[in-house]
Amino acid sequence: MPIYEISCAACGYSGEVIAFNPDGPLACPSCGSTDTRKLMSATSSMTGKASQAFPGSGDTTCCGKRPSEASCAGPGSCCGKTF
């Protein structure tokens, strides 16, 4: 079942819906209207081929330090610390 982002002309709802019948009209989850249009969605970071499967020597954490210097869980993680 595909997920689509829609905009509803009847109530102004803008968000995601699951399409049980992707060939049929997409109903608004807020008001039930089928006066909706599909929106362009951002590409997921979980799709496509990863450039590198494991952290490398040039990777940094969210605070800009190398993982070994920041005592973090790895790239993108600062374990809840604020900087």
N, C-alpha and C. Protein backbone atom coordinates (compact mmCIF):
# COMPACT_ATOMS: atom_id res chain seq x y z
N MET A 1 0.84 -1.17 0.00
CA MET A 1 0.00 0.00 0.00
C MET A 1 0.89 1.24 0.00
N PRO A 2 0.81 2.04 -1.03
CA PRO A 2 1.65 3.24 -1.08
C PRO A 2 1.13 4.34 -0.15
N ILE A 3 2.03 5.20 0.25
CA ILE A 3 1.69 6.37 1.06
C ILE A 3 1.88 7.59 0.18
N TYR A 4 0.86 8.46 0.18
CA TYR A 4 0.91 9.69 -0.62
C TYR A 4 0.75 10.88 0.31
N GLU A 5 1.38 11.99 -0.08
CA GLU A 5 1.10 13.26 0.57
C GLU A 5 0.03 13.92 -0.25
N ILE A 6 -1.01 14.44 0.44
CA ILE A 6 -2.11 15.07 -0.27
C ILE A 6 -2.42 16.43 0.31
N SER A 7 -3.17 17.21 -0.46
CA SER A 7 -3.72 18.47 -0.03
C SER A 7 -5.21 18.41 -0.32
N CYS A 8 -6.04 18.75 0.65
CA CYS A 8 -7.49 18.70 0.50
C CYS A 8 -8.03 20.11 0.22
N ALA A 9 -8.76 20.27 -0.87
CA ALA A 9 -9.34 21.56 -1.23
C ALA A 9 -10.54 21.89 -0.34
N ALA A 10 -11.20 20.88 0.21
CA ALA A 10 -12.41 21.11 1.00
C ALA A 10 -12.11 21.66 2.40
N CYS A 11 -11.12 21.08 3.09
CA CYS A 11 -10.87 21.51 4.48
C CYS A 11 -9.47 22.08 4.71
N GLY A 12 -8.58 21.97 3.70
CA GLY A 12 -7.22 22.51 3.83
C GLY A 12 -6.21 21.55 4.43
N TYR A 13 -6.65 20.31 4.72
CA TYR A 13 -5.73 19.31 5.27
C TYR A 13 -4.55 19.10 4.32
N SER A 14 -3.37 18.98 4.88
CA SER A 14 -2.17 18.66 4.11
C SER A 14 -1.37 17.66 4.90
N GLY A 15 -1.20 16.44 4.35
CA GLY A 15 -0.46 15.42 5.06
C GLY A 15 -0.46 14.11 4.30
N GLU A 16 -0.09 13.04 4.99
CA GLU A 16 0.05 11.73 4.36
C GLU A 16 -1.20 10.88 4.51
N VAL A 17 -1.47 10.07 3.50
CA VAL A 17 -2.55 9.09 3.54
C VAL A 17 -2.05 7.78 2.95
N ILE A 18 -2.59 6.68 3.43
CA ILE A 18 -2.29 5.37 2.86
C ILE A 18 -3.32 5.11 1.79
N ALA A 19 -2.87 4.73 0.61
CA ALA A 19 -3.78 4.47 -0.51
C ALA A 19 -4.09 2.98 -0.56
N PHE A 20 -5.29 2.62 -0.11
CA PHE A 20 -5.70 1.22 -0.17
C PHE A 20 -6.00 0.82 -1.61
N ASN A 21 -6.44 1.78 -2.43
CA ASN A 21 -6.68 1.58 -3.85
C ASN A 21 -6.00 2.74 -4.58
N PRO A 22 -4.72 2.60 -4.96
CA PRO A 22 -3.98 3.72 -5.55
C PRO A 22 -4.55 4.22 -6.87
N ASP A 23 -5.41 3.42 -7.53
CA ASP A 23 -6.01 3.87 -8.78
C ASP A 23 -7.25 4.73 -8.54
N GLY A 24 -7.83 4.63 -7.34
CA GLY A 24 -9.03 5.39 -7.02
C GLY A 24 -8.69 6.75 -6.44
N PRO A 25 -9.73 7.56 -6.16
CA PRO A 25 -9.48 8.88 -5.56
C PRO A 25 -8.98 8.74 -4.14
N LEU A 26 -8.13 9.66 -3.73
CA LEU A 26 -7.58 9.64 -2.37
C LEU A 26 -8.49 10.47 -1.47
N ALA A 27 -9.03 9.86 -0.44
CA ALA A 27 -9.94 10.55 0.47
C ALA A 27 -9.16 11.23 1.59
N CYS A 28 -9.61 12.41 1.96
CA CYS A 28 -9.00 13.18 3.05
C CYS A 28 -9.33 12.50 4.37
N PRO A 29 -8.32 12.24 5.23
CA PRO A 29 -8.59 11.61 6.52
C PRO A 29 -9.28 12.56 7.51
N SER A 30 -9.25 13.85 7.23
CA SER A 30 -9.84 14.82 8.12
C SER A 30 -11.34 15.00 7.88
N CYS A 31 -11.73 15.16 6.59
CA CYS A 31 -13.14 15.44 6.29
C CYS A 31 -13.79 14.40 5.39
N GLY A 32 -13.01 13.50 4.79
CA GLY A 32 -13.56 12.45 3.93
C GLY A 32 -13.74 12.87 2.48
N SER A 33 -13.45 14.10 2.14
CA SER A 33 -13.61 14.59 0.77
C SER A 33 -12.62 13.90 -0.17
N THR A 34 -13.03 13.72 -1.41
CA THR A 34 -12.11 13.19 -2.43
C THR A 34 -11.61 14.30 -3.34
N ASP A 35 -11.87 15.55 -2.96
CA ASP A 35 -11.37 16.70 -3.71
C ASP A 35 -9.95 17.00 -3.24
N THR A 36 -9.04 16.06 -3.54
CA THR A 36 -7.66 16.14 -3.08
C THR A 36 -6.71 16.10 -4.26
N ARG A 37 -5.50 16.54 -4.01
CA ARG A 37 -4.46 16.41 -5.04
C ARG A 37 -3.20 15.88 -4.38
N LYS A 38 -2.45 15.09 -5.15
CA LYS A 38 -1.19 14.53 -4.65
C LYS A 38 -0.13 15.61 -4.67
N LEU A 39 0.71 15.61 -3.65
CA LEU A 39 1.82 16.54 -3.55
C LEU A 39 3.13 15.81 -3.80
N MET A 40 4.14 16.54 -4.20
CA MET A 40 5.47 15.96 -4.39
C MET A 40 6.09 15.77 -3.02
N SER A 41 6.58 14.57 -2.75
CA SER A 41 7.20 14.25 -1.46
C SER A 41 8.71 14.35 -1.56
N ALA A 42 9.32 14.63 -0.42
CA ALA A 42 10.78 14.62 -0.35
C ALA A 42 11.26 13.18 -0.42
N THR A 43 12.41 12.97 -1.00
CA THR A 43 12.98 11.64 -1.09
C THR A 43 13.44 11.17 0.28
N SER A 44 13.19 9.93 0.58
CA SER A 44 13.60 9.36 1.86
C SER A 44 15.10 9.11 1.86
N SER A 45 15.72 9.34 3.00
CA SER A 45 17.15 9.04 3.13
C SER A 45 17.39 7.53 3.22
N MET A 46 16.31 6.77 3.38
CA MET A 46 16.44 5.32 3.51
C MET A 46 16.40 4.63 2.14
N THR A 47 16.24 5.39 1.07
CA THR A 47 16.20 4.78 -0.25
C THR A 47 17.51 5.02 -0.97
N GLY A 48 17.75 4.24 -1.97
CA GLY A 48 18.98 4.40 -2.75
C GLY A 48 20.16 3.71 -2.11
N LYS A 49 21.28 3.80 -2.75
CA LYS A 49 22.49 3.13 -2.27
C LYS A 49 23.25 4.06 -1.33
N ALA A 50 23.64 3.52 -0.21
CA ALA A 50 24.43 4.29 0.75
C ALA A 50 25.84 4.49 0.19
N SER A 51 26.39 5.67 0.40
CA SER A 51 27.72 5.94 -0.11
C SER A 51 28.78 5.17 0.69
N GLN A 52 28.50 4.93 1.96
CA GLN A 52 29.46 4.23 2.80
C GLN A 52 28.67 3.46 3.86
N ALA A 53 28.90 2.18 4.00
CA ALA A 53 28.13 1.36 4.92
C ALA A 53 28.54 1.58 6.38
N PHE A 54 29.81 1.89 6.63
CA PHE A 54 30.29 2.04 7.99
C PHE A 54 30.89 3.43 8.16
N PRO A 55 30.91 3.96 9.39
CA PRO A 55 31.54 5.26 9.61
C PRO A 55 33.00 5.24 9.18
N GLY A 56 33.40 6.33 8.60
CA GLY A 56 34.78 6.44 8.13
C GLY A 56 35.57 7.44 8.95
N SER A 57 36.83 7.59 8.59
CA SER A 57 37.73 8.45 9.36
C SER A 57 37.36 9.93 9.24
N GLY A 58 36.68 10.33 8.17
CA GLY A 58 36.32 11.73 8.00
C GLY A 58 34.96 12.09 8.55
N ASP A 59 34.22 11.12 9.10
CA ASP A 59 32.88 11.40 9.63
C ASP A 59 32.97 12.21 10.91
N THR A 60 31.94 13.04 11.13
CA THR A 60 31.86 13.81 12.36
C THR A 60 30.49 13.61 12.98
N THR A 61 30.38 13.93 14.27
CA THR A 61 29.12 13.83 14.98
C THR A 61 28.32 15.11 14.75
N CYS A 62 27.14 15.20 15.37
CA CYS A 62 26.30 16.39 15.18
C CYS A 62 26.95 17.63 15.78
N CYS A 63 27.87 17.47 16.73
CA CYS A 63 28.52 18.63 17.33
C CYS A 63 29.79 19.02 16.56
N GLY A 64 30.12 18.29 15.49
CA GLY A 64 31.26 18.63 14.66
C GLY A 64 32.56 17.96 15.07
N LYS A 65 32.53 17.20 16.15
CA LYS A 65 33.73 16.50 16.59
C LYS A 65 33.75 15.10 16.01
N ARG A 66 34.92 14.51 15.98
CA ARG A 66 35.03 13.12 15.55
C ARG A 66 34.40 12.24 16.63
N PRO A 67 33.81 11.09 16.26
CA PRO A 67 33.17 10.23 17.27
C PRO A 67 34.08 9.86 18.43
N SER A 68 35.37 9.64 18.18
CA SER A 68 36.28 9.27 19.26
C SER A 68 36.55 10.44 20.21
N GLU A 69 36.36 11.68 19.75
CA GLU A 69 36.60 12.85 20.58
C GLU A 69 35.37 13.29 21.36
N ALA A 70 34.17 12.96 20.87
CA ALA A 70 32.95 13.50 21.45
C ALA A 70 32.27 12.55 22.42
N SER A 71 32.79 11.38 22.62
CA SER A 71 32.19 10.34 23.46
C SER A 71 30.72 10.13 23.10
N CYS A 72 30.47 10.02 21.81
CA CYS A 72 29.11 9.83 21.30
C CYS A 72 28.93 8.41 20.79
N ALA A 73 27.70 8.12 20.39
CA ALA A 73 27.38 6.80 19.86
C ALA A 73 27.86 6.65 18.42
N GLY A 74 28.18 7.73 17.75
CA GLY A 74 28.64 7.66 16.37
C GLY A 74 28.21 8.87 15.58
N PRO A 75 28.45 8.88 14.27
CA PRO A 75 28.08 10.02 13.44
C PRO A 75 26.60 10.34 13.58
N GLY A 76 26.30 11.63 13.78
CA GLY A 76 24.92 12.07 13.88
C GLY A 76 24.34 11.96 15.28
N SER A 77 25.12 11.50 16.23
CA SER A 77 24.61 11.30 17.59
C SER A 77 25.50 12.03 18.58
N CYS A 78 24.90 12.84 19.43
CA CYS A 78 25.64 13.47 20.53
C CYS A 78 25.02 13.09 21.85
N CYS A 79 24.29 12.00 21.87
CA CYS A 79 23.77 11.41 23.10
C CYS A 79 22.98 12.41 23.93
N GLY A 80 22.24 13.30 23.29
CA GLY A 80 21.39 14.25 24.00
C GLY A 80 22.11 15.48 24.49
N LYS A 81 23.40 15.62 24.20
CA LYS A 81 24.14 16.80 24.65
C LYS A 81 23.75 17.99 23.81
N THR A 82 23.73 19.16 24.40
CA THR A 82 23.48 20.40 23.65
C THR A 82 24.76 21.19 23.60
N PHE A 83 25.02 21.79 22.45
CA PHE A 83 26.25 22.56 22.26
C PHE A 83 25.93 23.93 21.78
